[in-house]
């Protein structure tokens, strides 16, 4: 579905990680994607929400089990702190299962617009969080 919207999209390997917060559920599968777009962050976010709706994202509780969760992590150097859209993602720099896939896509030298540090510097701080690469190809 993402490839139909963003032609040049590239996907990271998939990682398995334990759930955070509500821990009595199955492990999560995580990946990242990178693409260029002229769409505004609001329009990208709206397209992601359409996909989530089509795939029936409907967790019974916050951080509960869900079929899909698509987050807009970064949009260039933009910073938005709004109710409807926050970029960069508030917890981007604190989650290895987000950072590792981004590094796999070559995003390690991207500077976090809110903190002026390269993304790769955060990985050392979240090494204790386990995430294991698994063999699933995203196409």
C-alpha atoms as a PDB file:
ATOM      1  CA  UNK A   1       0.000   0.000   0.000  1.00  0.00           C
ATOM      2  CA  UNK A   2       2.843   2.366   0.812  1.00  0.00           C
ATOM      3  CA  UNK A   3       4.564   1.626  -2.501  1.00  0.00           C
ATOM      4  CA  UNK A   4       1.439   2.757  -4.358  1.00  0.00           C
ATOM      5  CA  UNK A   5       1.702   6.161  -2.675  1.00  0.00           C
ATOM      6  CA  UNK A   6       5.474   6.601  -2.440  1.00  0.00           C
ATOM      7  CA  UNK A   7       7.168   5.124  -5.523  1.00  0.00           C
ATOM      8  CA  UNK A   8      10.751   5.443  -4.308  1.00  0.00           C
ATOM      9  CA  UNK A   9      10.129   3.999  -0.833  1.00  0.00           C
ATOM     10  CA  UNK A  10      12.786   1.782   0.728  1.00  0.00           C
ATOM     11  CA  UNK A  11      12.144  -0.561   3.644  1.00  0.00           C
ATOM     12  CA  UNK A  12      14.445  -1.667   6.439  1.00  0.00           C
ATOM     13  CA  UNK A  13      14.763  -5.216   7.663  1.00  0.00           C
ATOM     14  CA  UNK A  14      12.067  -6.290  10.113  1.00  0.00           C
ATOM     15  CA  UNK A  15      12.827  -6.511  13.824  1.00  0.00           C
ATOM     16  CA  UNK A  16      11.010  -8.368  16.572  1.00  0.00           C
ATOM     17  CA  UNK A  17      10.781  -6.623  19.941  1.00  0.00           C
ATOM     18  CA  UNK A  18       8.948  -7.073  23.203  1.00  0.00           C
ATOM     19  CA  UNK A  19       6.005  -4.734  23.769  1.00  0.00           C
ATOM     20  CA  UNK A  20       6.518  -1.680  25.941  1.00  0.00           C
ATOM     21  CA  UNK A  21       3.959  -0.512  28.464  1.00  0.00           C
ATOM     22  CA  UNK A  22       1.346  -3.239  28.137  1.00  0.00           C
ATOM     23  CA  UNK A  23       3.662  -6.247  28.234  1.00  0.00           C
ATOM     24  CA  UNK A  24       1.127  -9.113  28.354  1.00  0.00           C
ATOM     25  CA  UNK A  25       0.797  -9.371  24.571  1.00  0.00           C
ATOM     26  CA  UNK A  26       2.691 -10.843  21.639  1.00  0.00           C
ATOM     27  CA  UNK A  27       5.982  -9.370  20.458  1.00  0.00           C
ATOM     28  CA  UNK A  28       5.819  -6.599  17.895  1.00  0.00           C
ATOM     29  CA  UNK A  29       7.317  -6.596  14.408  1.00  0.00           C
ATOM     30  CA  UNK A  30       8.965  -3.295  13.546  1.00  0.00           C
ATOM     31  CA  UNK A  31      10.428  -1.781  10.415  1.00  0.00           C
ATOM     32  CA  UNK A  32      11.083   1.661   8.988  1.00  0.00           C
ATOM     33  CA  UNK A  33      10.737   3.149   5.560  1.00  0.00           C
ATOM     34  CA  UNK A  34      12.311   6.139   3.902  1.00  0.00           C
ATOM     35  CA  UNK A  35      11.009   8.084   0.929  1.00  0.00           C
ATOM     36  CA  UNK A  36      11.029  11.555  -0.539  1.00  0.00           C
ATOM     37  CA  UNK A  37       7.829  13.492  -0.974  1.00  0.00           C
ATOM     38  CA  UNK A  38       6.538  16.950  -1.675  1.00  0.00           C
ATOM     39  CA  UNK A  39       3.497  16.228   0.469  1.00  0.00           C
ATOM     40  CA  UNK A  40       3.098  18.145   3.700  1.00  0.00           C
ATOM     41  CA  UNK A  41       3.485  16.221   6.955  1.00  0.00           C
ATOM     42  CA  UNK A  42      -0.275  16.503   7.459  1.00  0.00           C
ATOM     43  CA  UNK A  43      -0.974  14.891   4.083  1.00  0.00           C
ATOM     44  CA  UNK A  44       1.548  12.097   4.698  1.00  0.00           C
ATOM     45  CA  UNK A  45      -0.002  11.447   8.109  1.00  0.00           C
ATOM     46  CA  UNK A  46      -3.489  11.384   6.588  1.00  0.00           C
ATOM     47  CA  UNK A  47      -2.401   8.787   4.009  1.00  0.00           C
ATOM     48  CA  UNK A  48      -0.889   6.632   6.773  1.00  0.00           C
ATOM     49  CA  UNK A  49      -4.154   6.806   8.716  1.00  0.00           C
ATOM     50  CA  UNK A  50      -6.118   5.669   5.645  1.00  0.00           C
ATOM     51  CA  UNK A  51      -3.876   2.596   5.400  1.00  0.00           C
ATOM     52  CA  UNK A  52      -4.289   1.889   9.115  1.00  0.00           C
ATOM     53  CA  UNK A  53      -8.061   2.091   8.718  1.00  0.00           C
ATOM     54  CA  UNK A  54      -8.029  -0.281   5.722  1.00  0.00           C
ATOM     55  CA  UNK A  55      -5.948  -2.749   7.746  1.00  0.00           C
ATOM     56  CA  UNK A  56      -8.352  -2.407  10.682  1.00  0.00           C
ATOM     57  CA  UNK A  57      -6.069  -0.899  13.287  1.00  0.00           C
ATOM     58  CA  UNK A  58      -8.225  -0.939  16.364  1.00  0.00           C
ATOM     59  CA  UNK A  59      -6.332  -1.647  19.566  1.00  0.00           C
ATOM     60  CA  UNK A  60      -8.633  -2.396  22.503  1.00  0.00           C
ATOM     61  CA  UNK A  61      -6.447  -0.237  24.775  1.00  0.00           C
ATOM     62  CA  UNK A  62      -3.605   2.234  24.274  1.00  0.00           C
ATOM     63  CA  UNK A  63      -0.378   0.373  23.406  1.00  0.00           C
ATOM     64  CA  UNK A  64      -2.417  -2.802  23.091  1.00  0.00           C
ATOM     65  CA  UNK A  65      -2.250  -5.377  20.301  1.00  0.00           C
ATOM     66  CA  UNK A  66      -2.926  -4.013  16.836  1.00  0.00           C
ATOM     67  CA  UNK A  67      -2.744  -5.096  13.229  1.00  0.00           C
ATOM     68  CA  UNK A  68      -0.670  -2.116  12.119  1.00  0.00           C
ATOM     69  CA  UNK A  69       0.809   1.113  13.476  1.00  0.00           C
ATOM     70  CA  UNK A  70       2.236   3.589  10.990  1.00  0.00           C
ATOM     71  CA  UNK A  71       4.030   6.584  12.482  1.00  0.00           C
ATOM     72  CA  UNK A  72       5.549   9.564  10.729  1.00  0.00           C
ATOM     73  CA  UNK A  73       8.893   9.720  12.500  1.00  0.00           C
ATOM     74  CA  UNK A  74      10.598  12.573  10.662  1.00  0.00           C
ATOM     75  CA  UNK A  75       9.787  14.989   7.856  1.00  0.00           C
ATOM     76  CA  UNK A  76      13.023  16.691   6.888  1.00  0.00           C
ATOM     77  CA  UNK A  77      14.080  19.096   9.624  1.00  0.00           C
ATOM     78  CA  UNK A  78      10.546  20.052  10.558  1.00  0.00           C
ATOM     79  CA  UNK A  79       9.403  20.259  14.140  1.00  0.00           C
ATOM     80  CA  UNK A  80       5.666  20.155  14.907  1.00  0.00           C
ATOM     81  CA  UNK A  81       4.241  19.915  18.381  1.00  0.00           C
ATOM     82  CA  UNK A  82       0.532  19.834  17.715  1.00  0.00           C
ATOM     83  CA  UNK A  83      -2.273  17.651  19.025  1.00  0.00           C
ATOM     84  CA  UNK A  84      -2.909  16.097  15.617  1.00  0.00           C
ATOM     85  CA  UNK A  85       0.733  15.722  14.572  1.00  0.00           C
ATOM     86  CA  UNK A  86       4.032  15.671  16.421  1.00  0.00           C
ATOM     87  CA  UNK A  87       7.288  15.402  14.463  1.00  0.00           C
ATOM     88  CA  UNK A  88       9.841  14.246  15.111  1.00  0.00           C
ATOM     89  CA  UNK A  89       8.064  11.402  16.860  1.00  0.00           C
ATOM     90  CA  UNK A  90       8.298  12.089  20.599  1.00  0.00           C
ATOM     91  CA  UNK A  91       9.951   8.767  21.471  1.00  0.00           C
ATOM     92  CA  UNK A  92      11.996   8.259  18.299  1.00  0.00           C
ATOM     93  CA  UNK A  93      15.323   8.697  20.091  1.00  0.00           C
ATOM     94  CA  UNK A  94      14.409   6.411  23.013  1.00  0.00           C
ATOM     95  CA  UNK A  95      13.437   3.262  21.150  1.00  0.00           C
ATOM     96  CA  UNK A  96      15.930   0.882  19.665  1.00  0.00           C
ATOM     97  CA  UNK A  97      13.249  -0.860  17.581  1.00  0.00           C
ATOM     98  CA  UNK A  98      12.769   2.486  15.796  1.00  0.00           C
ATOM     99  CA  UNK A  99      16.395   3.602  15.634  1.00  0.00           C
ATOM    100  CA  UNK A 100      17.920   0.328  14.416  1.00  0.00           C
ATOM    101  CA  UNK A 101      15.733   0.067  11.291  1.00  0.00           C
ATOM    102  CA  UNK A 102      16.461   3.736  10.520  1.00  0.00           C
ATOM    103  CA  UNK A 103      20.186   3.085  10.810  1.00  0.00           C
ATOM    104  CA  UNK A 104      19.811   0.112   8.454  1.00  0.00           C
ATOM    105  CA  UNK A 105      18.409   2.563   5.916  1.00  0.00           C
ATOM    106  CA  UNK A 106      21.453   4.801   6.238  1.00  0.00           C
ATOM    107  CA  UNK A 107      19.783   7.398   8.430  1.00  0.00           C
ATOM    108  CA  UNK A 108      22.391   7.300  11.192  1.00  0.00           C
ATOM    109  CA  UNK A 109      23.874  10.645  10.202  1.00  0.00           C
ATOM    110  CA  UNK A 110      20.504  12.388  10.107  1.00  0.00           C
ATOM    111  CA  UNK A 111      20.382  14.957  12.872  1.00  0.00           C
ATOM    112  CA  UNK A 112      17.384  14.827  15.196  1.00  0.00           C
ATOM    113  CA  UNK A 113      15.828  18.244  14.590  1.00  0.00           C
ATOM    114  CA  UNK A 114      14.781  18.682  18.207  1.00  0.00           C
ATOM    115  CA  UNK A 115      18.065  17.797  19.863  1.00  0.00           C
ATOM    116  CA  UNK A 116      20.766  18.429  17.229  1.00  0.00           C
ATOM    117  CA  UNK A 117      22.353  14.986  17.641  1.00  0.00           C
ATOM    118  CA  UNK A 118      22.814  12.323  14.987  1.00  0.00           C
ATOM    119  CA  UNK A 119      20.392   9.422  15.250  1.00  0.00           C
ATOM    120  CA  UNK A 120      23.239   6.919  15.525  1.00  0.00           C
ATOM    121  CA  UNK A 121      24.356   8.480  18.825  1.00  0.00           C
ATOM    122  CA  UNK A 122      21.088   7.441  20.471  1.00  0.00           C
ATOM    123  CA  UNK A 123      21.530   3.736  19.730  1.00  0.00           C
ATOM    124  CA  UNK A 124      24.233   3.431  22.375  1.00  0.00           C
ATOM    125  CA  UNK A 125      21.810   4.806  24.942  1.00  0.00           C
ATOM    126  CA  UNK A 126      19.131   2.209  24.147  1.00  0.00           C
ATOM    127  CA  UNK A 127      21.381  -0.856  23.663  1.00  0.00           C
ATOM    128  CA  UNK A 128      19.679  -2.615  26.576  1.00  0.00           C
ATOM    129  CA  UNK A 129      16.426  -2.742  24.621  1.00  0.00           C
ATOM    130  CA  UNK A 130      16.342  -5.990  22.733  1.00  0.00           C
ATOM    131  CA  UNK A 131      15.301  -6.090  19.108  1.00  0.00           C
ATOM    132  CA  UNK A 132      16.228  -8.943  16.815  1.00  0.00           C
ATOM    133  CA  UNK A 133      16.341  -8.839  13.052  1.00  0.00           C
ATOM    134  CA  UNK A 134      14.132 -11.491  11.504  1.00  0.00           C
ATOM    135  CA  UNK A 135      13.806 -12.755   7.953  1.00  0.00           C
ATOM    136  CA  UNK A 136      10.727 -11.135   6.479  1.00  0.00           C
ATOM    137  CA  UNK A 137      11.020  -9.230   3.232  1.00  0.00           C
ATOM    138  CA  UNK A 138       8.835  -6.167   2.798  1.00  0.00           C
ATOM    139  CA  UNK A 139       7.792  -5.470  -0.758  1.00  0.00           C
END
